[in-house]
Amino acid sequence: MRQGFDNDKYIALQAEHIRSRINQFGGKLYLEFGGKLFDDYHASRVLPGFEPDSKFRMLKTMVDEVEIIIAINANHIEKSKTRGDLGITYDEEVLRLLDVFRSRGFATSGVVITHFENQPSAVAFRSRLDGLGIKSYLHYPIAGYPYDTARIVSDEGYGKNEFVETTHPLVVVTAPGPGSGKMATCLSQLYHEHKHGNLAGYAKYETFPIWNLPLKHPVNIAYEAATVDLDDANCIDPFHLEAYGKTTVNYNRDVEIFPVLKTMMERIAGESPYQSPTDMGVNMAGLAIVDDDAVREAAKMEIVRRYFQAAVDARRTGIHEERVERLELLMNQAGIDSSFSPARSVALLKEETTGGPAGAMVLADGRVVTGKTSPLLGAASSLLMNALKAVSGVDDDIYVISDDVIKPICTLKTSTLHSKNPRLHSDETLLALSVSSATDPLAQQLLDHVDDLRGCDAFFSVILSATDERLYRTLGINVCCEPKYEQRRYYHK
C-alpha cells in the first residue's frame, strides 16, 4: 500500500514531546490517554504507515519512566457495556489490558472505579480485583460536576476520592472505552498531589482530530465519521486563536469544557499552564505525515467505510438512520460519494451479470478481483479464494480445493448440523484449504500469501453473515456491504 506516514519519526517526536511536557511540570505528568493503545486500526487506515500499536511502541521507548492507571466507570460495569470490536465487556477489557501491560514490562498502579455508588456489579468487580491481587481505588460522583468548580476542587469533591500512590514521572491514565472518567481521574490525582505539596501536571494525548491539519482535511472528517454515534464535531479552537492568533483544530467537547477545566486547574495549582484545549494536547501525528495525497485518499476510503457500516447497522436494527444521513453530509464535505471505492461498482456489476450475491476486492497493486455465489461456495468464500490465487500467482481457472474435499463438509452442514445453507463460509473454506495443503503444494502456496490481503478493501453486494465478516476482519481485510439482505424475510441470523 502507498505509505503516507513515517511511523519511526512519529514515535521519536512523540516521546521527545512528552518528556518535554514532563519537565515543564517539574518531573511529574498525568497523561490522559485517549483512543486505543494496541489496536488503533482507525489510525492505521487513515494514516497509511501508522502501525496499530504505534502509541504503545512509543510508550515502550519510555518504559522505565511510565506507570499506568486504568479507569473504568462503575455504571459501565453495571450495564455490562461491551467493546464492540473485541466483543468483551469493559471489566474484562480491564483485565486484558493489565495482562498486556504486565507482560510488556510496564508498572501498573491499579484500577480506579469511577462514579462509584455501590453498584452491585461494581462491588463484585472490585472483590474480583482484590482476589487477583490487583489494587483498586474508588472515585465518587460529585454534585454539580463539572460546573460547580468550588465544590469539585475541595475536600467534598476530589478530596473524597481515593488517591493512587505513584512513583514514576509519567503516569498514563487509560480506559477500556470513552466515558470512563480518565480526565476526572487525572485532575483528582493532581488535586491530591498538590495537597501533598508535590509538583505535577496534566496533559492530553488524543490522535484525532489532528490539530495542525485543516478543519476539512479528510483525516479530520474521517474522525467525525468514526465518532458519529457520539455526535462529536470538529471545530476551530477559538481559545487558541484568541491567545496566539493561530488556527488549530479541536473538537466540540474539549472546546466546550475548556473554560471549566481551566478554572479547575487554577483552583488546584493557583494558575493554569494552558490557554487553550490545543495547548493541553501532546499529539505529534500531523508532523509525521510524509505524503498528504496518500493520506487524503486513505481517509476518504475510511469515510465511505463508515457510511456503509452505519447503513448496514440501520438496516439490521431499524434505528439510527440519522447517523447515515450525517455520514452522507460528511462524504459531501470530503467531495466523495458512496461509489468512491472501485470495489463497489465491480461487485454490483458481478451480481447483475451472475444473478446472485457477489463480492470484489482491491488488491495492494490496484487489481480488482471478484467472487460469486456458487452451489458449494458463498460469495465471501469465492472472493477469498480468488484473491489468494491472484496474490500468489496461481491461475484463476485452477481448482485448488477439490470438490471431494468440499462436498463432505457441505453434507455435514446440512445432514448432521441441519443447516439450510450447504455453501461453505469463508472460515470453513480456509480450513478446507489448510487440509488440502497437506497433499497439494498449490494450496500451501495460497496459505503462504494470506497476509498479503491485509489492508485490502472488499465490497459485497449483500450483507455478509457475521461468520464471514468476522473472518475477513481477522485477516485484516476492510469489509463493506450494500445495505440489503440476500433474501427477503423478517428474520436474519
Protein backbone atom coordinates (compact mmCIF):
# COMPACT_ATOMS: atom_id res chain seq x y z
CA MET A 1 0.00 0.00 0.00
CA ARG A 2 1.10 3.56 -0.67
CA GLN A 3 2.57 4.93 2.56
CA GLY A 4 1.81 8.43 3.75
CA PHE A 5 3.02 8.34 7.35
CA ASP A 6 6.52 7.95 8.85
CA ASN A 7 5.94 5.76 11.90
CA ASP A 8 9.51 5.88 13.22
CA LYS A 9 9.56 9.67 13.03
CA TYR A 10 6.26 9.80 14.86
CA ILE A 11 7.44 7.60 17.73
CA ALA A 12 10.63 9.65 18.19
CA LEU A 13 8.82 13.02 18.04
CA GLN A 14 6.08 11.85 20.37
CA ALA A 15 8.41 10.53 23.07
CA GLU A 16 10.53 13.70 22.91
CA HIS A 17 7.48 15.94 23.23
CA ILE A 18 6.07 14.03 26.20
CA ARG A 19 9.42 14.18 28.01
CA SER A 20 9.45 17.94 27.42
CA ARG A 21 5.98 18.20 28.96
CA ILE A 22 7.11 16.17 32.00
CA ASN A 23 9.96 18.63 32.55
CA GLN A 24 7.56 21.55 32.18
CA PHE A 25 5.75 20.40 35.31
CA GLY A 26 8.77 19.68 37.45
CA GLY A 27 9.15 15.98 36.74
CA LYS A 28 5.60 14.54 37.06
CA LEU A 29 2.90 14.34 34.39
CA TYR A 30 -0.54 12.74 34.39
CA LEU A 31 -1.29 11.95 30.74
CA GLU A 32 -4.88 11.26 29.75
CA PHE A 33 -4.51 8.66 27.02
CA GLY A 34 -7.39 8.67 24.56
CA GLY A 35 -8.04 6.14 21.83
CA LYS A 36 -6.70 2.62 21.61
CA LEU A 37 -3.19 1.75 22.73
CA PHE A 38 -2.57 -1.57 20.99
CA ASP A 39 -5.00 -1.86 18.14
CA ASP A 40 -5.70 1.59 16.70
CA TYR A 41 -6.85 0.33 13.32
CA HIS A 42 -8.70 3.56 12.53
CA ALA A 43 -5.41 5.48 12.69
CA SER A 44 -3.62 2.84 10.60
CA ARG A 45 -6.32 3.07 7.93
CA VAL A 46 -6.40 6.87 7.62
CA LEU A 47 -2.64 7.32 8.10
CA PRO A 48 -1.14 4.54 5.94
CA GLY A 49 2.19 3.70 7.55
CA PHE A 50 0.89 4.19 11.10
CA GLU A 51 1.19 0.87 12.92
CA PRO A 52 -1.86 -0.12 15.03
CA ASP A 53 0.35 -0.37 18.14
CA SER A 54 2.38 2.81 17.48
CA LYS A 55 1.30 4.55 20.67
CA PHE A 56 2.18 1.50 22.71
CA ARG A 57 5.55 1.20 20.99
CA MET A 58 6.19 4.86 21.76
CA LEU A 59 5.49 4.23 25.44
CA LYS A 60 7.78 1.20 25.28
CA THR A 61 10.70 3.55 24.47
CA MET A 62 9.95 5.20 27.83
CA VAL A 63 9.05 2.07 29.78
CA ASP A 64 11.25 2.89 32.79
CA GLU A 65 9.53 6.27 33.16
CA VAL A 66 5.94 5.05 32.81
CA GLU A 67 3.30 3.94 35.29
CA ILE A 68 -0.25 3.08 34.24
CA ILE A 69 -3.64 3.65 35.85
CA ILE A 70 -6.77 2.14 34.27
CA ALA A 71 -10.08 3.91 34.88
CA ILE A 72 -13.47 2.24 34.48
CA ASN A 73 -16.92 3.70 35.06
CA ALA A 74 -18.95 1.76 37.64
CA ASN A 75 -22.11 2.37 35.59
CA HIS A 76 -20.46 0.70 32.60
CA ILE A 77 -19.72 -2.35 34.76
CA GLU A 78 -23.31 -2.41 35.97
CA LYS A 79 -24.68 -2.23 32.41
CA SER A 80 -22.18 -4.78 31.05
CA LYS A 81 -21.01 -2.26 28.46
CA THR A 82 -19.16 -4.02 25.65
CA ARG A 83 -16.22 -3.06 23.50
CA GLY A 84 -17.69 -3.66 20.05
CA ASP A 85 -14.52 -4.51 18.17
CA LEU A 86 -13.49 -7.22 20.63
CA GLY A 87 -16.90 -8.34 21.84
CA ILE A 88 -15.90 -8.31 25.53
CA THR A 89 -17.26 -6.27 28.42
CA TYR A 90 -15.35 -3.28 29.78
CA ASP A 91 -14.46 -5.07 33.02
CA GLU A 92 -12.98 -7.98 31.07
CA GLU A 93 -11.11 -5.48 28.91
CA VAL A 94 -9.53 -4.00 32.05
CA LEU A 95 -8.11 -7.42 32.91
CA ARG A 96 -6.90 -7.90 29.34
CA LEU A 97 -5.13 -4.53 29.44
CA LEU A 98 -3.49 -5.37 32.73
CA ASP A 99 -2.19 -8.64 31.30
CA VAL A 100 -0.73 -6.88 28.27
CA PHE A 101 0.91 -4.12 30.31
CA ARG A 102 2.40 -6.59 32.76
CA SER A 103 3.72 -8.87 30.00
CA ARG A 104 5.46 -5.90 28.33
CA GLY A 105 7.24 -4.76 31.48
CA PHE A 106 5.10 -1.74 32.42
CA ALA A 107 4.44 -0.76 36.02
CA THR A 108 0.71 -0.63 36.82
CA SER A 109 -0.69 1.30 39.76
CA GLY A 110 -4.10 -0.32 39.79
CA VAL A 111 -7.69 0.27 38.70
CA VAL A 112 -9.77 3.35 39.51
CA ILE A 113 -13.51 2.65 39.61
CA THR A 114 -15.17 5.99 38.84
CA HIS A 115 -18.76 7.11 39.52
CA PHE A 116 -18.91 4.54 42.31
CA GLU A 117 -22.25 4.38 44.18
CA ASN A 118 -22.18 0.80 45.47
CA GLN A 119 -23.47 -0.61 42.19
CA PRO A 120 -23.69 -4.38 42.82
CA SER A 121 -21.70 -5.35 39.71
CA ALA A 122 -19.02 -2.78 40.52
CA VAL A 123 -18.76 -4.09 44.09
CA ALA A 124 -18.41 -7.63 42.71
CA PHE A 125 -15.76 -6.48 40.24
CA ARG A 126 -13.76 -4.81 42.99
CA SER A 127 -13.92 -8.02 45.00
CA ARG A 128 -12.69 -9.90 41.95
CA LEU A 129 -9.76 -7.48 41.60
CA ASP A 130 -8.90 -7.95 45.27
CA GLY A 131 -8.91 -11.72 44.77
CA LEU A 132 -6.48 -11.34 41.88
CA GLY A 133 -4.16 -9.16 43.94
CA ILE A 134 -4.94 -6.02 41.90
CA LYS A 135 -5.22 -2.74 43.78
CA SER A 136 -8.41 -0.77 43.20
CA TYR A 137 -9.47 2.74 44.16
CA LEU A 138 -12.88 4.39 44.35
CA HIS A 139 -13.88 7.75 42.89
CA TYR A 140 -17.32 9.11 43.61
CA PRO A 141 -19.89 11.25 41.77
CA ILE A 142 -19.60 14.95 42.67
CA ALA A 143 -22.72 17.07 42.90
CA GLY A 144 -22.68 19.89 40.37
CA TYR A 145 -19.99 18.27 38.19
CA PRO A 146 -18.48 19.71 36.04
CA TYR A 147 -19.59 23.31 36.57
CA ASP A 148 -19.54 23.74 40.36
CA THR A 149 -15.75 24.09 40.43
CA ALA A 150 -15.67 25.33 44.02
CA ARG A 151 -17.23 22.08 45.23
CA ILE A 152 -15.30 19.88 42.79
CA VAL A 153 -11.89 21.23 43.78
CA SER A 154 -12.41 20.77 47.51
CA ASP A 155 -12.36 18.12 50.21
CA GLU A 156 -16.02 17.43 49.36
CA GLY A 157 -15.17 16.82 45.71
CA TYR A 158 -11.86 15.43 44.53
CA GLY A 159 -10.78 15.26 48.16
CA LYS A 160 -13.20 12.36 48.82
CA ASN A 161 -11.64 10.24 46.08
CA GLU A 162 -9.04 7.66 46.99
CA PHE A 163 -5.54 8.75 46.00
CA VAL A 164 -3.39 6.43 43.89
CA GLU A 165 0.23 6.44 45.06
CA THR A 166 2.56 6.62 42.04
CA THR A 167 6.34 6.71 41.76
CA HIS A 168 7.13 7.25 38.06
CA PRO A 169 7.46 10.59 36.23
CA LEU A 170 4.85 9.72 33.58
CA VAL A 171 1.51 8.37 34.77
CA VAL A 172 -0.63 7.23 31.85
CA VAL A 173 -4.35 7.14 32.57
CA THR A 174 -6.16 4.91 30.09
CA ALA A 175 -9.51 3.11 29.96
CA PRO A 176 -11.44 0.38 28.15
CA GLY A 177 -13.53 2.98 26.30
CA PRO A 178 -14.93 6.52 26.27
CA GLY A 179 -16.83 7.94 29.23
CA SER A 180 -14.70 6.04 31.75
CA GLY A 181 -13.56 9.13 33.68
CA LYS A 182 -9.96 9.48 32.52
CA MET A 183 -9.85 13.28 32.73
CA ALA A 184 -11.51 13.37 36.15
CA THR A 185 -9.05 10.73 37.39
CA CYS A 186 -6.11 12.86 36.22
CA LEU A 187 -7.46 16.01 37.85
CA SER A 188 -8.31 14.18 41.07
CA GLN A 189 -4.74 12.90 41.22
CA LEU A 190 -3.47 16.40 40.51
CA TYR A 191 -5.54 17.78 43.38
CA HIS A 192 -4.11 15.25 45.84
CA GLU A 193 -0.54 15.76 44.58
CA HIS A 194 -0.78 19.48 45.26
CA LYS A 195 -2.36 18.83 48.66
CA HIS A 196 0.75 16.76 49.43
CA GLY A 197 3.00 19.56 48.19
CA ASN A 198 4.12 17.67 45.08
CA LEU A 199 4.68 19.26 41.67
CA ALA A 200 2.65 17.61 38.91
CA GLY A 201 0.88 18.49 35.67
CA TYR A 202 -1.78 17.24 33.30
CA ALA A 203 -1.82 16.78 29.52
CA LYS A 204 -3.99 15.01 27.00
CA TYR A 205 -2.97 12.60 24.25
CA GLU A 206 -5.59 12.20 21.51
CA THR A 207 -4.60 11.33 17.96
CA PHE A 208 -7.72 12.86 16.38
CA PRO A 209 -8.66 15.38 15.28
CA ILE A 210 -5.16 16.35 14.21
CA TRP A 211 -4.74 19.90 15.45
CA ASN A 212 -2.35 21.13 12.74
CA LEU A 213 -4.30 19.82 9.73
CA PRO A 214 -7.08 21.92 8.13
CA LEU A 215 -10.54 21.62 9.64
CA LYS A 216 -11.94 19.98 6.48
CA HIS A 217 -8.95 17.76 5.78
CA PRO A 218 -10.26 14.24 5.03
CA VAL A 219 -8.34 12.83 8.03
CA ASN A 220 -10.26 15.12 10.38
CA ILE A 221 -13.55 14.46 8.59
CA ALA A 222 -12.85 10.73 8.97
CA TYR A 223 -12.60 11.26 12.73
CA GLU A 224 -16.09 12.77 12.74
CA ALA A 225 -17.26 9.78 10.71
CA ALA A 226 -15.74 7.39 13.24
CA THR A 227 -17.46 9.13 16.16
CA VAL A 228 -20.81 9.80 14.53
CA ASP A 229 -22.53 7.90 17.35
CA LEU A 230 -21.03 10.36 19.89
CA ASP A 231 -22.09 13.50 17.97
CA ASP A 232 -18.51 14.78 18.04
CA ALA A 233 -17.82 17.67 15.71
CA ASN A 234 -14.50 19.21 14.77
CA CYS A 235 -14.14 22.96 15.15
CA ILE A 236 -11.58 25.74 15.15
CA ASP A 237 -10.17 26.20 18.67
CA PRO A 238 -11.36 29.75 19.49
CA PHE A 239 -9.23 29.97 22.65
CA HIS A 240 -6.03 29.16 20.76
CA LEU A 241 -6.92 31.64 18.02
CA GLU A 242 -7.52 34.39 20.59
CA ALA A 243 -4.42 33.64 22.66
CA TYR A 244 -1.90 33.09 19.85
CA GLY A 245 -3.52 34.24 16.61
CA LYS A 246 -3.07 30.74 15.15
CA THR A 247 -5.77 28.50 13.67
CA THR A 248 -5.85 24.98 15.11
CA VAL A 249 -8.44 22.20 15.13
CA ASN A 250 -10.04 20.59 18.16
CA TYR A 251 -13.41 19.03 18.81
CA ASN A 252 -16.55 20.37 20.38
CA ARG A 253 -16.48 18.61 23.74
CA ASP A 254 -12.96 19.75 24.59
CA VAL A 255 -13.71 23.31 23.48
CA GLU A 256 -16.96 23.42 25.47
CA ILE A 257 -15.39 22.11 28.68
CA PHE A 258 -12.13 24.08 28.47
CA PRO A 259 -13.24 27.16 30.50
CA VAL A 260 -14.36 24.83 33.29
CA LEU A 261 -11.16 22.78 33.10
CA LYS A 262 -9.03 25.92 33.16
CA THR A 263 -10.84 27.14 36.28
CA MET A 264 -10.29 23.77 37.96
CA MET A 265 -6.56 23.86 37.22
CA GLU A 266 -6.34 27.42 38.57
CA ARG A 267 -8.03 26.27 41.78
CA ILE A 268 -5.74 23.24 42.06
CA ALA A 269 -2.39 24.83 41.21
CA GLY A 270 -3.01 28.56 41.53
CA GLU A 271 -2.77 29.11 37.78
CA SER A 272 -3.46 27.26 34.55
CA PRO A 273 -0.50 26.45 32.28
CA TYR A 274 -2.85 26.29 29.30
CA GLN A 275 -4.61 29.00 27.33
CA SER A 276 -6.50 26.63 25.02
CA PRO A 277 -7.54 23.00 24.65
CA THR A 278 -4.93 22.69 21.89
CA ASP A 279 -2.29 23.65 24.48
CA MET A 280 -3.26 20.60 26.54
CA GLY A 281 -2.53 18.15 23.73
CA VAL A 282 0.77 16.42 23.02
CA ASN A 283 -0.12 14.77 19.70
CA MET A 284 2.63 14.91 17.04
CA ALA A 285 0.89 12.80 14.35
CA GLY A 286 0.46 15.69 11.93
CA LEU A 287 4.22 16.25 11.81
CA ALA A 288 4.85 12.66 10.66
CA ILE A 289 2.69 12.83 7.52
CA VAL A 290 5.07 12.49 4.55
CA ASP A 291 2.59 12.08 1.67
CA ASP A 292 -0.53 14.17 2.08
CA ASP A 293 -2.18 12.84 -1.08
CA ALA A 294 -1.86 9.24 0.11
CA VAL A 295 -3.29 10.17 3.48
CA ARG A 296 -6.19 12.07 1.90
CA GLU A 297 -7.14 9.10 -0.29
CA ALA A 298 -6.94 6.69 2.64
CA ALA A 299 -9.09 8.94 4.81
CA LYS A 300 -11.74 9.28 2.10
CA MET A 301 -11.94 5.49 1.88
CA GLU A 302 -12.45 5.34 5.65
CA ILE A 303 -15.32 7.83 5.46
CA VAL A 304 -17.02 5.61 2.87
CA ARG A 305 -16.45 2.52 5.02
CA ARG A 306 -18.08 4.28 7.98
CA TYR A 307 -21.03 5.21 5.79
CA PHE A 308 -21.70 1.62 4.73
CA GLN A 309 -21.15 0.35 8.26
CA ALA A 310 -23.81 2.77 9.52
CA ALA A 311 -26.15 1.95 6.63
CA VAL A 312 -25.88 -1.79 7.33
CA ASP A 313 -26.41 -1.23 11.07
CA ALA A 314 -29.52 0.84 10.32
CA ARG A 315 -30.80 -1.91 8.02
CA ARG A 316 -30.19 -4.57 10.66
CA THR A 317 -31.68 -2.68 13.61
CA GLY A 318 -34.18 -0.27 12.05
CA ILE A 319 -32.75 2.63 14.08
CA HIS A 320 -30.09 5.36 13.83
CA GLU A 321 -30.97 6.41 10.30
CA GLU A 322 -29.82 9.90 11.31
CA ARG A 323 -26.25 8.59 11.51
CA VAL A 324 -26.45 7.52 7.88
CA GLU A 325 -27.68 11.00 6.93
CA ARG A 326 -24.87 12.60 8.92
CA LEU A 327 -22.31 10.42 7.13
CA GLU A 328 -23.77 11.41 3.77
CA LEU A 329 -23.07 15.03 4.71
CA LEU A 330 -19.51 14.14 5.72
CA MET A 331 -18.96 12.41 2.38
CA ASN A 332 -20.16 15.57 0.66
CA GLN A 333 -17.69 17.63 2.69
CA ALA A 334 -14.89 15.32 1.57
CA GLY A 335 -16.01 15.58 -2.06
CA ILE A 336 -16.89 11.90 -2.46
CA ASP A 337 -19.93 9.64 -2.60
CA SER A 338 -20.81 6.02 -1.87
CA SER A 339 -19.24 4.85 -5.15
CA PHE A 340 -15.76 6.12 -4.21
CA SER A 341 -14.47 2.57 -3.77
CA PRO A 342 -13.87 0.83 -7.14
CA ALA A 343 -14.75 -2.48 -5.48
CA ARG A 344 -18.40 -1.43 -5.10
CA SER A 345 -19.19 -0.89 -8.76
CA VAL A 346 -17.38 -4.11 -9.70
CA ALA A 347 -19.26 -6.14 -7.06
CA LEU A 348 -22.65 -4.76 -8.10
CA LEU A 349 -21.90 -5.46 -11.77
CA LYS A 350 -20.85 -9.01 -10.88
CA GLU A 351 -24.15 -9.54 -9.07
CA GLU A 352 -26.07 -8.18 -12.05
CA THR A 353 -24.33 -10.48 -14.52
CA THR A 354 -24.44 -13.64 -12.35
CA GLY A 355 -27.84 -13.18 -10.75
CA GLY A 356 -26.56 -13.86 -7.24
CA PRO A 357 -24.63 -12.21 -4.37
CA ALA A 358 -21.10 -11.22 -5.34
CA GLY A 359 -18.02 -9.52 -3.97
CA ALA A 360 -14.97 -7.64 -5.21
CA MET A 361 -11.61 -6.81 -3.63
CA VAL A 362 -9.00 -4.19 -4.49
CA LEU A 363 -5.54 -5.72 -4.08
CA ALA A 364 -2.44 -3.83 -2.98
CA ASP A 365 -1.25 -3.43 -6.57
CA GLY A 366 -4.58 -1.96 -7.70
CA ARG A 367 -6.00 -5.07 -9.36
CA VAL A 368 -9.66 -5.83 -8.63
CA VAL A 369 -10.72 -9.48 -8.25
CA THR A 370 -14.27 -10.78 -7.90
CA GLY A 371 -16.12 -13.68 -6.35
CA LYS A 372 -19.63 -15.03 -6.99
CA THR A 373 -22.03 -17.33 -5.20
CA SER A 374 -21.86 -20.96 -6.36
CA PRO A 375 -23.57 -24.19 -5.23
CA LEU A 376 -20.60 -25.00 -2.94
CA LEU A 377 -19.11 -21.63 -2.01
CA GLY A 378 -20.65 -18.39 -0.82
CA ALA A 379 -19.55 -15.06 -2.32
CA ALA A 380 -17.19 -14.35 0.58
CA SER A 381 -15.52 -17.76 0.20
CA SER A 382 -15.25 -17.44 -3.56
CA LEU A 383 -13.75 -13.94 -3.33
CA LEU A 384 -11.26 -15.06 -0.69
CA MET A 385 -10.04 -17.93 -2.87
CA ASN A 386 -9.78 -15.77 -5.99
CA ALA A 387 -7.90 -13.06 -4.13
CA LEU A 388 -5.45 -15.60 -2.71
CA LYS A 389 -4.89 -17.02 -6.18
CA ALA A 390 -4.22 -13.52 -7.52
CA VAL A 391 -1.65 -12.54 -4.88
CA SER A 392 0.10 -15.94 -5.00
CA GLY A 393 0.29 -16.14 -8.80
CA VAL A 394 -1.97 -19.16 -9.22
CA ASP A 395 -4.16 -19.25 -12.33
CA ASP A 396 -7.78 -18.40 -11.58
CA ASP A 397 -9.05 -21.42 -13.53
CA ILE A 398 -7.26 -23.93 -11.30
CA TYR A 399 -9.38 -25.61 -8.61
CA VAL A 400 -7.09 -25.62 -5.58
CA ILE A 401 -9.69 -27.23 -3.28
CA SER A 402 -11.25 -30.21 -4.96
CA ASP A 403 -14.96 -30.96 -4.78
CA ASP A 404 -14.02 -34.18 -2.99
CA VAL A 405 -12.91 -32.05 -0.02
CA ILE A 406 -15.74 -29.52 -0.16
CA LYS A 407 -18.74 -31.84 -0.63
CA PRO A 408 -18.34 -33.83 2.63
CA ILE A 409 -18.26 -30.54 4.56
CA CYS A 410 -21.43 -29.38 2.78
CA THR A 411 -23.11 -32.69 3.58
CA LEU A 412 -22.07 -32.43 7.22
CA LYS A 413 -23.59 -28.95 7.44
CA THR A 414 -26.96 -29.97 6.02
CA SER A 415 -27.36 -33.58 7.16
CA THR A 416 -25.78 -33.55 10.60
CA LEU A 417 -25.77 -29.88 11.64
CA HIS A 418 -29.18 -29.22 9.98
CA SER A 419 -28.09 -26.03 8.24
CA LYS A 420 -30.29 -24.87 5.37
CA ASN A 421 -27.28 -23.36 3.62
CA PRO A 422 -24.87 -26.00 2.26
CA ARG A 423 -22.36 -23.47 0.94
CA LEU A 424 -19.07 -23.02 2.77
CA HIS A 425 -18.45 -19.87 4.78
CA SER A 426 -15.04 -18.25 4.39
CA ASP A 427 -13.67 -19.74 7.64
CA GLU A 428 -14.74 -23.24 6.53
CA THR A 429 -13.13 -22.60 3.15
CA LEU A 430 -9.88 -21.58 4.79
CA LEU A 431 -9.94 -24.78 6.86
CA ALA A 432 -10.60 -26.85 3.74
CA LEU A 433 -7.66 -25.10 2.07
CA SER A 434 -5.50 -25.93 5.07
CA VAL A 435 -6.48 -29.62 4.89
CA SER A 436 -5.72 -29.66 1.16
CA SER A 437 -2.27 -28.16 1.79
CA ALA A 438 -1.15 -31.45 3.36
CA THR A 439 -1.05 -33.04 -0.10
CA ASP A 440 -1.27 -30.10 -2.54
CA PRO A 441 1.62 -27.58 -2.81
CA LEU A 442 -0.66 -25.07 -4.55
CA ALA A 443 -2.93 -24.98 -1.51
CA GLN A 444 0.08 -24.29 0.70
CA GLN A 445 1.16 -21.57 -1.73
CA LEU A 446 -2.16 -19.81 -1.23
CA LEU A 447 -1.90 -20.11 2.55
CA ASP A 448 1.59 -18.59 2.44
CA HIS A 449 0.09 -15.41 0.93
CA VAL A 450 -2.88 -14.90 3.28
CA ASP A 451 -1.17 -11.95 4.95
CA ASP A 452 -0.86 -10.20 1.58
CA LEU A 453 -4.58 -9.42 1.82
CA ARG A 454 -4.17 -7.37 4.99
CA GLY A 455 -5.31 -3.80 4.39
CA CYS A 456 -7.18 -4.61 1.17
CA ASP A 457 -10.75 -3.37 0.64
CA ALA A 458 -13.59 -5.78 -0.11
CA PHE A 459 -17.16 -4.92 -1.04
CA PHE A 460 -20.17 -7.26 -1.16
CA SER A 461 -23.48 -6.77 -2.92
CA VAL A 462 -25.42 -8.06 0.12
CA ILE A 463 -24.97 -8.02 3.89
CA LEU A 464 -22.45 -10.68 4.91
CA SER A 465 -23.08 -13.25 7.59
CA ALA A 466 -21.44 -12.49 10.94
CA THR A 467 -19.17 -15.52 10.40
CA ASP A 468 -17.80 -14.25 7.09
CA GLU A 469 -17.43 -10.69 8.29
CA ARG A 470 -15.55 -11.82 11.39
CA LEU A 471 -13.11 -13.94 9.34
CA TYR A 472 -12.40 -11.10 6.93
CA ARG A 473 -11.72 -8.69 9.77
CA THR A 474 -9.47 -11.27 11.44
CA LEU A 475 -7.44 -11.36 8.23
CA GLY A 476 -7.19 -7.57 8.30
CA ILE A 477 -9.40 -7.07 5.22
CA ASN A 478 -11.63 -3.98 5.28
CA VAL A 479 -15.22 -5.02 4.56
CA CYS A 480 -18.18 -3.03 3.26
CA CYS A 481 -21.59 -4.34 2.23
CA GLU A 482 -24.53 -2.95 0.30
CA PRO A 483 -27.26 -2.43 2.93
CA LYS A 484 -29.56 -5.20 1.69
CA TYR A 485 -30.08 -8.85 2.54
CA GLU A 486 -29.75 -11.75 0.12
CA GLN A 487 -33.25 -12.97 0.98
CA ARG A 488 -36.43 -11.02 1.63
CA ARG A 489 -37.59 -12.12 5.07
CA TYR A 490 -38.08 -10.66 8.53
CA TYR A 491 -35.50 -12.67 10.47
CA HIS A 492 -31.84 -12.90 9.52
CA LYS A 493 -29.24 -14.80 11.52
